[in-house]
Amino acid sequence: MSIDPNIIKLRKQSGAGILECKKAMEEANGDIEKAQDILRKSGIAKAAKRADREASEGVIKVAVNEDKTKGYIVEFNSETDFVAKNEKFQAFVEETFNIFKNSEPKSLDEFLDLKMADSNSVKDSLESLSGVIGEKLEIKGSGMVEGSTVTAYSHMSGKIGVLVALDKSGEDELAYDVAMHIAASNPKYLSPDDVPAEEIEKEKDIYREQLKKEGKPEDIIEKILEGKINKYFEEVCLLKQEFIKNEELTIEKLLVDKDVKIIKFIRFSLS
């Protein structure tokens, strides 16, 4: 008897057993996200990082302009690593990334509509190359940052790319350290203020159910929740994370000591 591939996917994401995953999927009417929450509320699974839910091949290109005040990032995807190293794919990546840097499109759609040397759009050229190579190709994301100091960081030969913009000039070393930290720690947000209210409530609901199953009384649960959410902020918010080069400092404290603020950061990852 074959097993629903979504159950296999849920098992991989959650680490729970097949039977638990099957029951959770049935309760969630086939919705993987809801099934993941059901498993977490039962204490069976931990929260999966969103970056770990999707695996693809390709390359992430990053660069900064000459005066280090603008940064550029584009994620190019293929189905296999073999195609990612293909000369035609690499040539396409280089040409379109240069187009992106020179044109500075405001959105991915605008980027895909830009013209290449042969007068075809980036989108049409990508589809044509996909037909030639015989594999699905995609540009999943693009972005820019601007600031007084901007740095770009590439890790694992383009598997991870990071841009960081600071509000103070001459802080190249600090910007690089923060970018390296972001590559390693994968924060979702800059600060707790950036976390959507519905996400906070969702986490509280999950923690609340876990604490009830542990037998904690209602009046104690709400007090514990505050600490749980603060711990959650330490996991997903850049400013609250411990600096990877000095765990006695948070990123927030590191920046305060330097009188510097982060304007924006972008992190793309292929896995």
C-alpha atoms as a PDB file:
ATOM      1  CA  MET A   1       0.000   0.000   0.000  1.00  0.00           C
ATOM      2  CA  SER A   2       1.400   3.370  -1.026  1.00  0.00           C
ATOM      3  CA  ILE A   3       1.720   6.209   1.465  1.00  0.00           C
ATOM      4  CA  ASP A   4       0.535   9.731   0.729  1.00  0.00           C
ATOM      5  CA  PRO A   5       3.675  11.707  -0.272  1.00  0.00           C
ATOM      6  CA  ASN A   6       2.438  14.622   1.848  1.00  0.00           C
ATOM      7  CA  ILE A   7       2.627  12.372   4.908  1.00  0.00           C
ATOM      8  CA  ILE A   8       6.226  11.537   4.023  1.00  0.00           C
ATOM      9  CA  LYS A   9       6.926  15.258   3.626  1.00  0.00           C
ATOM     10  CA  LEU A  10       5.340  16.005   7.015  1.00  0.00           C
ATOM     11  CA  ARG A  11       7.384  13.228   8.629  1.00  0.00           C
ATOM     12  CA  LYS A  12      10.579  14.750   7.209  1.00  0.00           C
ATOM     13  CA  GLN A  13       9.636  18.239   8.427  1.00  0.00           C
ATOM     14  CA  SER A  14       8.508  17.214  11.898  1.00  0.00           C
ATOM     15  CA  GLY A  15      10.542  14.155  12.780  1.00  0.00           C
ATOM     16  CA  ALA A  16       7.327  12.492  13.981  1.00  0.00           C
ATOM     17  CA  GLY A  17       6.375   8.896  13.168  1.00  0.00           C
ATOM     18  CA  ILE A  18       4.314   7.858  10.165  1.00  0.00           C
ATOM     19  CA  LEU A  19       1.209   7.039  12.219  1.00  0.00           C
ATOM     20  CA  GLU A  20       1.312  10.374  14.074  1.00  0.00           C
ATOM     21  CA  CYS A  21       1.739  12.193  10.762  1.00  0.00           C
ATOM     22  CA  LYS A  22      -1.144  10.258   9.192  1.00  0.00           C
ATOM     23  CA  LYS A  23      -3.453  11.118  12.115  1.00  0.00           C
ATOM     24  CA  ALA A  24      -2.395  14.780  12.041  1.00  0.00           C
ATOM     25  CA  MET A  25      -3.007  15.003   8.282  1.00  0.00           C
ATOM     26  CA  GLU A  26      -6.454  13.483   8.692  1.00  0.00           C
ATOM     27  CA  GLU A  27      -7.304  15.929  11.479  1.00  0.00           C
ATOM     28  CA  ALA A  28      -6.022  18.824   9.348  1.00  0.00           C
ATOM     29  CA  ASN A  29      -7.938  17.636   6.269  1.00  0.00           C
ATOM     30  CA  GLY A  30      -4.737  17.315   4.292  1.00  0.00           C
ATOM     31  CA  ASP A  31      -3.276  20.737   5.165  1.00  0.00           C
ATOM     32  CA  ILE A  32       0.439  20.216   5.934  1.00  0.00           C
ATOM     33  CA  GLU A  33       0.836  23.543   7.789  1.00  0.00           C
ATOM     34  CA  LYS A  34      -2.108  22.751  10.072  1.00  0.00           C
ATOM     35  CA  ALA A  35      -0.867  19.201  10.569  1.00  0.00           C
ATOM     36  CA  GLN A  36       2.542  20.543  11.625  1.00  0.00           C
ATOM     37  CA  ASP A  37       0.834  22.760  14.220  1.00  0.00           C
ATOM     38  CA  ILE A  38      -1.206  19.800  15.492  1.00  0.00           C
ATOM     39  CA  LEU A  39       1.974  17.777  16.009  1.00  0.00           C
ATOM     40  CA  ARG A  40       3.666  20.686  17.780  1.00  0.00           C
ATOM     41  CA  LYS A  41       0.682  21.176  20.095  1.00  0.00           C
ATOM     42  CA  SER A  42       0.902  17.497  20.963  1.00  0.00           C
ATOM     43  CA  GLY A  43       4.576  17.947  21.779  1.00  0.00           C
ATOM     44  CA  ILE A  44       5.536  15.502  19.016  1.00  0.00           C
ATOM     45  CA  ALA A  45       7.248  17.937  16.691  1.00  0.00           C
ATOM     46  CA  LYS A  46       9.282  21.103  17.018  1.00  0.00           C
ATOM     47  CA  ALA A  47       8.792  24.146  14.817  1.00  0.00           C
ATOM     48  CA  ALA A  48      10.478  23.599  11.487  1.00  0.00           C
ATOM     49  CA  LYS A  49      12.473  26.509  10.125  1.00  0.00           C
ATOM     50  CA  ARG A  50      10.884  27.770   6.991  1.00  0.00           C
ATOM     51  CA  ALA A  51      14.251  27.772   5.280  1.00  0.00           C
ATOM     52  CA  ASP A  52      14.435  23.987   5.786  1.00  0.00           C
ATOM     53  CA  ARG A  53      11.101  23.245   4.128  1.00  0.00           C
ATOM     54  CA  GLU A  54      12.286  23.715   0.607  1.00  0.00           C
ATOM     55  CA  ALA A  55      15.289  22.181  -1.133  1.00  0.00           C
ATOM     56  CA  SER A  56      16.458  23.301  -4.572  1.00  0.00           C
ATOM     57  CA  GLU A  57      19.618  23.762  -6.560  1.00  0.00           C
ATOM     58  CA  GLY A  58      21.060  26.766  -8.343  1.00  0.00           C
ATOM     59  CA  VAL A  59      23.081  29.755  -7.235  1.00  0.00           C
ATOM     60  CA  ILE A  60      22.543  32.989  -5.300  1.00  0.00           C
ATOM     61  CA  LYS A  61      24.433  35.970  -6.681  1.00  0.00           C
ATOM     62  CA  VAL A  62      25.327  38.959  -4.493  1.00  0.00           C
ATOM     63  CA  ALA A  63      27.270  42.150  -5.155  1.00  0.00           C
ATOM     64  CA  VAL A  64      27.674  45.750  -3.996  1.00  0.00           C
ATOM     65  CA  ASN A  65      28.309  48.901  -6.013  1.00  0.00           C
ATOM     66  CA  GLU A  66      31.696  50.610  -6.076  1.00  0.00           C
ATOM     67  CA  ASP A  67      31.100  52.975  -3.153  1.00  0.00           C
ATOM     68  CA  LYS A  68      29.432  50.236  -1.052  1.00  0.00           C
ATOM     69  CA  THR A  69      26.133  52.046  -0.646  1.00  0.00           C
ATOM     70  CA  LYS A  70      23.934  49.620  -2.626  1.00  0.00           C
ATOM     71  CA  GLY A  71      23.696  45.848  -2.611  1.00  0.00           C
ATOM     72  CA  TYR A  72      22.117  43.420  -5.067  1.00  0.00           C
ATOM     73  CA  ILE A  73      20.930  39.837  -4.682  1.00  0.00           C
ATOM     74  CA  VAL A  74      19.238  37.376  -7.047  1.00  0.00           C
ATOM     75  CA  GLU A  75      18.359  33.708  -6.560  1.00  0.00           C
ATOM     76  CA  PHE A  76      18.597  31.548  -9.697  1.00  0.00           C
ATOM     77  CA  ASN A  77      17.204  28.012  -9.430  1.00  0.00           C
ATOM     78  CA  SER A  78      17.521  24.723 -11.250  1.00  0.00           C
ATOM     79  CA  GLU A  79      16.355  21.220 -10.421  1.00  0.00           C
ATOM     80  CA  THR A  80      19.819  19.689 -10.169  1.00  0.00           C
ATOM     81  CA  ASP A  81      23.293  20.768  -9.157  1.00  0.00           C
ATOM     82  CA  PHE A  82      24.540  19.395 -12.476  1.00  0.00           C
ATOM     83  CA  VAL A  83      22.505  21.992 -14.388  1.00  0.00           C
ATOM     84  CA  ALA A  84      23.485  24.719 -11.899  1.00  0.00           C
ATOM     85  CA  LYS A  85      27.072  24.183 -13.067  1.00  0.00           C
ATOM     86  CA  ASN A  86      26.103  24.051 -16.747  1.00  0.00           C
ATOM     87  CA  GLU A  87      27.962  26.663 -18.848  1.00  0.00           C
ATOM     88  CA  LYS A  88      24.778  27.927 -20.523  1.00  0.00           C
ATOM     89  CA  PHE A  89      23.048  28.331 -17.179  1.00  0.00           C
ATOM     90  CA  GLN A  90      26.073  30.098 -15.702  1.00  0.00           C
ATOM     91  CA  ALA A  91      26.269  32.448 -18.715  1.00  0.00           C
ATOM     92  CA  PHE A  92      22.576  33.285 -18.301  1.00  0.00           C
ATOM     93  CA  VAL A  93      23.106  33.953 -14.589  1.00  0.00           C
ATOM     94  CA  GLU A  94      25.993  36.347 -15.245  1.00  0.00           C
ATOM     95  CA  GLU A  95      24.204  38.271 -18.001  1.00  0.00           C
ATOM     96  CA  THR A  96      20.915  38.670 -16.149  1.00  0.00           C
ATOM     97  CA  PHE A  97      22.599  39.563 -12.854  1.00  0.00           C
ATOM     98  CA  ASN A  98      24.469  42.366 -14.617  1.00  0.00           C
ATOM     99  CA  ILE A  99      21.147  43.532 -16.092  1.00  0.00           C
ATOM    100  CA  PHE A 100      19.668  43.526 -12.595  1.00  0.00           C
ATOM    101  CA  LYS A 101      22.529  45.593 -11.150  1.00  0.00           C
ATOM    102  CA  ASN A 102      22.457  48.119 -14.000  1.00  0.00           C
ATOM    103  CA  SER A 103      18.667  48.511 -14.127  1.00  0.00           C
ATOM    104  CA  GLU A 104      17.809  48.226 -10.405  1.00  0.00           C
ATOM    105  CA  PRO A 105      14.241  46.938 -10.935  1.00  0.00           C
ATOM    106  CA  LYS A 106      11.859  47.544  -8.044  1.00  0.00           C
ATOM    107  CA  SER A 107      10.278  44.070  -8.128  1.00  0.00           C
ATOM    108  CA  LEU A 108      10.874  40.553  -9.402  1.00  0.00           C
ATOM    109  CA  ASP A 109       8.169  40.978 -12.047  1.00  0.00           C
ATOM    110  CA  GLU A 110       9.841  44.154 -13.287  1.00  0.00           C
ATOM    111  CA  PHE A 111      13.154  42.299 -13.432  1.00  0.00           C
ATOM    112  CA  LEU A 112      11.656  39.429 -15.445  1.00  0.00           C
ATOM    113  CA  ASP A 113      10.254  41.915 -17.976  1.00  0.00           C
ATOM    114  CA  LEU A 114      13.648  43.551 -18.647  1.00  0.00           C
ATOM    115  CA  LYS A 115      15.216  43.030 -22.073  1.00  0.00           C
ATOM    116  CA  MET A 116      18.370  41.035 -22.663  1.00  0.00           C
ATOM    117  CA  ALA A 117      20.976  41.498 -25.415  1.00  0.00           C
ATOM    118  CA  ASP A 118      18.863  39.508 -27.901  1.00  0.00           C
ATOM    119  CA  SER A 119      15.833  41.750 -27.155  1.00  0.00           C
ATOM    120  CA  ASN A 120      13.972  38.926 -25.459  1.00  0.00           C
ATOM    121  CA  SER A 121      12.760  39.462 -21.911  1.00  0.00           C
ATOM    122  CA  VAL A 122      14.549  37.803 -19.005  1.00  0.00           C
ATOM    123  CA  LYS A 123      11.453  35.658 -18.475  1.00  0.00           C
ATOM    124  CA  ASP A 124      11.257  34.506 -22.108  1.00  0.00           C
ATOM    125  CA  SER A 125      15.005  33.804 -22.238  1.00  0.00           C
ATOM    126  CA  LEU A 126      14.742  31.757 -19.038  1.00  0.00           C
ATOM    127  CA  GLU A 127      11.886  29.696 -20.479  1.00  0.00           C
ATOM    128  CA  SER A 128      13.821  29.183 -23.716  1.00  0.00           C
ATOM    129  CA  LEU A 129      16.911  28.029 -21.826  1.00  0.00           C
ATOM    130  CA  SER A 130      14.733  25.686 -19.780  1.00  0.00           C
ATOM    131  CA  GLY A 131      13.557  24.042 -23.013  1.00  0.00           C
ATOM    132  CA  VAL A 132      17.111  23.675 -24.298  1.00  0.00           C
ATOM    133  CA  ILE A 133      18.466  22.208 -21.054  1.00  0.00           C
ATOM    134  CA  GLY A 134      15.383  20.088 -20.401  1.00  0.00           C
ATOM    135  CA  GLU A 135      14.965  21.088 -16.768  1.00  0.00           C
ATOM    136  CA  LYS A 136      12.776  23.560 -14.910  1.00  0.00           C
ATOM    137  CA  LEU A 137      14.618  26.828 -14.311  1.00  0.00           C
ATOM    138  CA  GLU A 138      13.402  29.713 -12.160  1.00  0.00           C
ATOM    139  CA  ILE A 139      14.372  33.054 -10.689  1.00  0.00           C
ATOM    140  CA  LYS A 140      12.786  32.825  -7.250  1.00  0.00           C
ATOM    141  CA  GLY A 141      13.777  36.134  -5.747  1.00  0.00           C
ATOM    142  CA  SER A 142      15.639  39.391  -6.146  1.00  0.00           C
ATOM    143  CA  GLY A 143      16.312  42.352  -3.911  1.00  0.00           C
ATOM    144  CA  MET A 144      18.303  45.485  -3.160  1.00  0.00           C
ATOM    145  CA  VAL A 145      19.439  47.341  -0.059  1.00  0.00           C
ATOM    146  CA  GLU A 146      20.795  50.866   0.367  1.00  0.00           C
ATOM    147  CA  GLY A 147      22.714  52.466   3.212  1.00  0.00           C
ATOM    148  CA  SER A 148      25.825  54.310   4.330  1.00  0.00           C
ATOM    149  CA  THR A 149      27.677  50.962   4.523  1.00  0.00           C
ATOM    150  CA  VAL A 150      26.490  47.954   2.532  1.00  0.00           C
ATOM    151  CA  THR A 151      28.098  44.545   2.390  1.00  0.00           C
ATOM    152  CA  ALA A 152      27.396  41.291   0.557  1.00  0.00           C
ATOM    153  CA  TYR A 153      28.242  37.849   1.894  1.00  0.00           C
ATOM    154  CA  SER A 154      28.207  34.573  -0.045  1.00  0.00           C
ATOM    155  CA  HIS A 155      28.484  31.192   1.653  1.00  0.00           C
ATOM    156  CA  MET A 156      28.921  27.617   0.372  1.00  0.00           C
ATOM    157  CA  SER A 157      29.686  28.688  -3.211  1.00  0.00           C
ATOM    158  CA  GLY A 158      26.460  30.624  -3.571  1.00  0.00           C
ATOM    159  CA  LYS A 159      24.103  28.348  -1.616  1.00  0.00           C
ATOM    160  CA  ILE A 160      23.448  31.231   0.820  1.00  0.00           C
ATOM    161  CA  GLY A 161      23.582  34.941   0.037  1.00  0.00           C
ATOM    162  CA  VAL A 162      23.215  37.899   2.413  1.00  0.00           C
ATOM    163  CA  LEU A 163      23.017  41.679   2.067  1.00  0.00           C
ATOM    164  CA  VAL A 164      23.266  44.077   5.019  1.00  0.00           C
ATOM    165  CA  ALA A 165      22.813  47.867   5.013  1.00  0.00           C
ATOM    166  CA  LEU A 166      23.971  50.019   7.951  1.00  0.00           C
ATOM    167  CA  ASP A 167      23.221  53.663   8.683  1.00  0.00           C
ATOM    168  CA  LYS A 168      26.863  54.629   9.325  1.00  0.00           C
ATOM    169  CA  SER A 169      29.699  54.816   6.802  1.00  0.00           C
ATOM    170  CA  GLY A 170      33.067  53.158   7.229  1.00  0.00           C
ATOM    171  CA  GLU A 171      31.684  50.128   9.084  1.00  0.00           C
ATOM    172  CA  ASP A 172      32.735  47.469   6.565  1.00  0.00           C
ATOM    173  CA  GLU A 173      34.049  45.017   9.164  1.00  0.00           C
ATOM    174  CA  LEU A 174      30.945  45.289  11.339  1.00  0.00           C
ATOM    175  CA  ALA A 175      28.641  44.892   8.336  1.00  0.00           C
ATOM    176  CA  TYR A 176      30.557  41.794   7.230  1.00  0.00           C
ATOM    177  CA  ASP A 177      30.373  40.256  10.714  1.00  0.00           C
ATOM    178  CA  VAL A 178      26.624  40.860  10.872  1.00  0.00           C
ATOM    179  CA  ALA A 179      26.146  39.408   7.368  1.00  0.00           C
ATOM    180  CA  MET A 180      28.125  36.307   8.348  1.00  0.00           C
ATOM    181  CA  HIS A 181      25.988  35.975  11.481  1.00  0.00           C
ATOM    182  CA  ILE A 182      22.794  36.249   9.402  1.00  0.00           C
ATOM    183  CA  ALA A 183      24.029  33.545   7.032  1.00  0.00           C
ATOM    184  CA  ALA A 184      24.618  31.198   9.983  1.00  0.00           C
ATOM    185  CA  SER A 185      21.609  32.068  12.177  1.00  0.00           C
ATOM    186  CA  ASN A 186      18.878  32.713   9.601  1.00  0.00           C
ATOM    187  CA  PRO A 187      16.797  35.355  11.415  1.00  0.00           C
ATOM    188  CA  LYS A 188      13.345  35.979   9.966  1.00  0.00           C
ATOM    189  CA  TYR A 189      12.927  39.500  11.311  1.00  0.00           C
ATOM    190  CA  LEU A 190      15.048  42.426  12.436  1.00  0.00           C
ATOM    191  CA  SER A 191      13.290  43.060  15.772  1.00  0.00           C
ATOM    192  CA  PRO A 192      10.269  41.829  17.780  1.00  0.00           C
ATOM    193  CA  ASP A 193       8.316  44.821  16.463  1.00  0.00           C
ATOM    194  CA  ASP A 194       8.515  43.256  12.993  1.00  0.00           C
ATOM    195  CA  VAL A 195       6.939  39.936  14.002  1.00  0.00           C
ATOM    196  CA  PRO A 196       3.289  39.831  12.854  1.00  0.00           C
ATOM    197  CA  ALA A 197       0.765  39.755  15.694  1.00  0.00           C
ATOM    198  CA  GLU A 198      -0.903  36.667  14.245  1.00  0.00           C
ATOM    199  CA  GLU A 199       2.413  34.784  14.322  1.00  0.00           C
ATOM    200  CA  ILE A 200       2.921  35.672  17.977  1.00  0.00           C
ATOM    201  CA  GLU A 201      -0.614  34.528  18.815  1.00  0.00           C
ATOM    202  CA  LYS A 202      -0.053  31.293  16.908  1.00  0.00           C
ATOM    203  CA  GLU A 203       3.089  30.563  18.910  1.00  0.00           C
ATOM    204  CA  LYS A 204       1.316  31.409  22.175  1.00  0.00           C
ATOM    205  CA  ASP A 205      -1.473  29.010  21.254  1.00  0.00           C
ATOM    206  CA  ILE A 206       1.023  26.222  20.588  1.00  0.00           C
ATOM    207  CA  TYR A 207       2.931  26.859  23.825  1.00  0.00           C
ATOM    208  CA  ARG A 208      -0.344  27.125  25.758  1.00  0.00           C
ATOM    209  CA  GLU A 209      -1.471  23.699  24.542  1.00  0.00           C
ATOM    210  CA  GLN A 210       1.917  22.191  25.383  1.00  0.00           C
ATOM    211  CA  LEU A 211       1.796  23.624  28.924  1.00  0.00           C
ATOM    212  CA  LYS A 212      -1.759  22.352  29.460  1.00  0.00           C
ATOM    213  CA  LYS A 213      -0.636  18.857  28.494  1.00  0.00           C
ATOM    214  CA  GLU A 214       2.159  19.192  31.056  1.00  0.00           C
ATOM    215  CA  GLY A 215      -0.496  19.875  33.701  1.00  0.00           C
ATOM    216  CA  LYS A 216       0.398  23.515  34.366  1.00  0.00           C
ATOM    217  CA  PRO A 217      -2.433  25.532  36.025  1.00  0.00           C
ATOM    218  CA  GLU A 218      -4.069  28.332  34.018  1.00  0.00           C
ATOM    219  CA  ASP A 219      -2.771  31.173  36.204  1.00  0.00           C
ATOM    220  CA  ILE A 220       0.805  29.954  35.779  1.00  0.00           C
ATOM    221  CA  ILE A 221       0.539  29.336  32.036  1.00  0.00           C
ATOM    222  CA  GLU A 222       0.106  33.006  31.107  1.00  0.00           C
ATOM    223  CA  LYS A 223       3.185  33.954  33.136  1.00  0.00           C
ATOM    224  CA  ILE A 224       5.256  31.245  31.456  1.00  0.00           C
ATOM    225  CA  LEU A 225       4.063  32.372  28.022  1.00  0.00           C
ATOM    226  CA  GLU A 226       5.872  35.695  28.300  1.00  0.00           C
ATOM    227  CA  GLY A 227       9.194  33.941  28.774  1.00  0.00           C
ATOM    228  CA  LYS A 228       8.401  31.506  25.951  1.00  0.00           C
ATOM    229  CA  ILE A 229       7.674  34.348  23.524  1.00  0.00           C
ATOM    230  CA  ASN A 230      10.830  36.214  24.526  1.00  0.00           C
ATOM    231  CA  LYS A 231      12.756  33.016  23.813  1.00  0.00           C
ATOM    232  CA  TYR A 232      11.013  32.814  20.452  1.00  0.00           C
ATOM    233  CA  PHE A 233      12.129  36.373  19.659  1.00  0.00           C
ATOM    234  CA  GLU A 234      15.706  35.324  20.409  1.00  0.00           C
ATOM    235  CA  GLU A 235      15.361  32.628  17.757  1.00  0.00           C
ATOM    236  CA  VAL A 236      13.736  34.622  14.944  1.00  0.00           C
ATOM    237  CA  CYS A 237      14.763  38.274  15.510  1.00  0.00           C
ATOM    238  CA  LEU A 238      18.243  39.358  14.462  1.00  0.00           C
ATOM    239  CA  LEU A 239      18.688  42.004  17.172  1.00  0.00           C
ATOM    240  CA  LYS A 240      17.848  39.524  19.944  1.00  0.00           C
ATOM    241  CA  GLN A 241      20.194  36.773  18.762  1.00  0.00           C
ATOM    242  CA  GLU A 242      23.530  36.028  20.414  1.00  0.00           C
ATOM    243  CA  PHE A 243      26.393  37.168  18.193  1.00  0.00           C
ATOM    244  CA  ILE A 244      28.091  34.067  16.756  1.00  0.00           C
ATOM    245  CA  LYS A 245      31.583  35.514  17.319  1.00  0.00           C
ATOM    246  CA  ASN A 246      30.873  36.494  20.941  1.00  0.00           C
ATOM    247  CA  GLU A 247      27.928  34.875  22.719  1.00  0.00           C
ATOM    248  CA  GLU A 248      28.181  37.386  25.557  1.00  0.00           C
ATOM    249  CA  LEU A 249      26.834  39.999  23.121  1.00  0.00           C
ATOM    250  CA  THR A 250      23.521  40.156  21.341  1.00  0.00           C
ATOM    251  CA  ILE A 251      23.488  41.735  17.894  1.00  0.00           C
ATOM    252  CA  GLU A 252      21.523  44.601  19.459  1.00  0.00           C
ATOM    253  CA  LYS A 253      24.248  45.233  22.063  1.00  0.00           C
ATOM    254  CA  LEU A 254      26.969  44.946  19.410  1.00  0.00           C
ATOM    255  CA  LEU A 255      25.304  47.669  17.348  1.00  0.00           C
ATOM    256  CA  VAL A 256      24.603  49.941  20.344  1.00  0.00           C
ATOM    257  CA  ASP A 257      28.268  49.794  21.331  1.00  0.00           C
ATOM    258  CA  LYS A 258      29.178  50.936  17.810  1.00  0.00           C
ATOM    259  CA  ASP A 259      26.323  53.494  17.621  1.00  0.00           C
ATOM    260  CA  VAL A 260      25.113  51.824  14.427  1.00  0.00           C
ATOM    261  CA  LYS A 261      21.687  50.702  13.217  1.00  0.00           C
ATOM    262  CA  ILE A 262      20.720  48.111  10.624  1.00  0.00           C
ATOM    263  CA  ILE A 263      18.580  49.654   7.915  1.00  0.00           C
ATOM    264  CA  LYS A 264      17.745  46.394   6.154  1.00  0.00           C
ATOM    265  CA  PHE A 265      18.995  42.881   5.549  1.00  0.00           C
ATOM    266  CA  ILE A 266      18.150  40.203   2.984  1.00  0.00           C
ATOM    267  CA  ARG A 267      19.003  36.505   3.212  1.00  0.00           C
ATOM    268  CA  PHE A 268      18.378  33.943   0.475  1.00  0.00           C
ATOM    269  CA  SER A 269      19.143  30.249   0.866  1.00  0.00           C
ATOM    270  CA  LEU A 270      18.869  27.265  -1.465  1.00  0.00           C
ATOM    271  CA  SER A 271      18.261  24.799   1.358  1.00  0.00           C
END
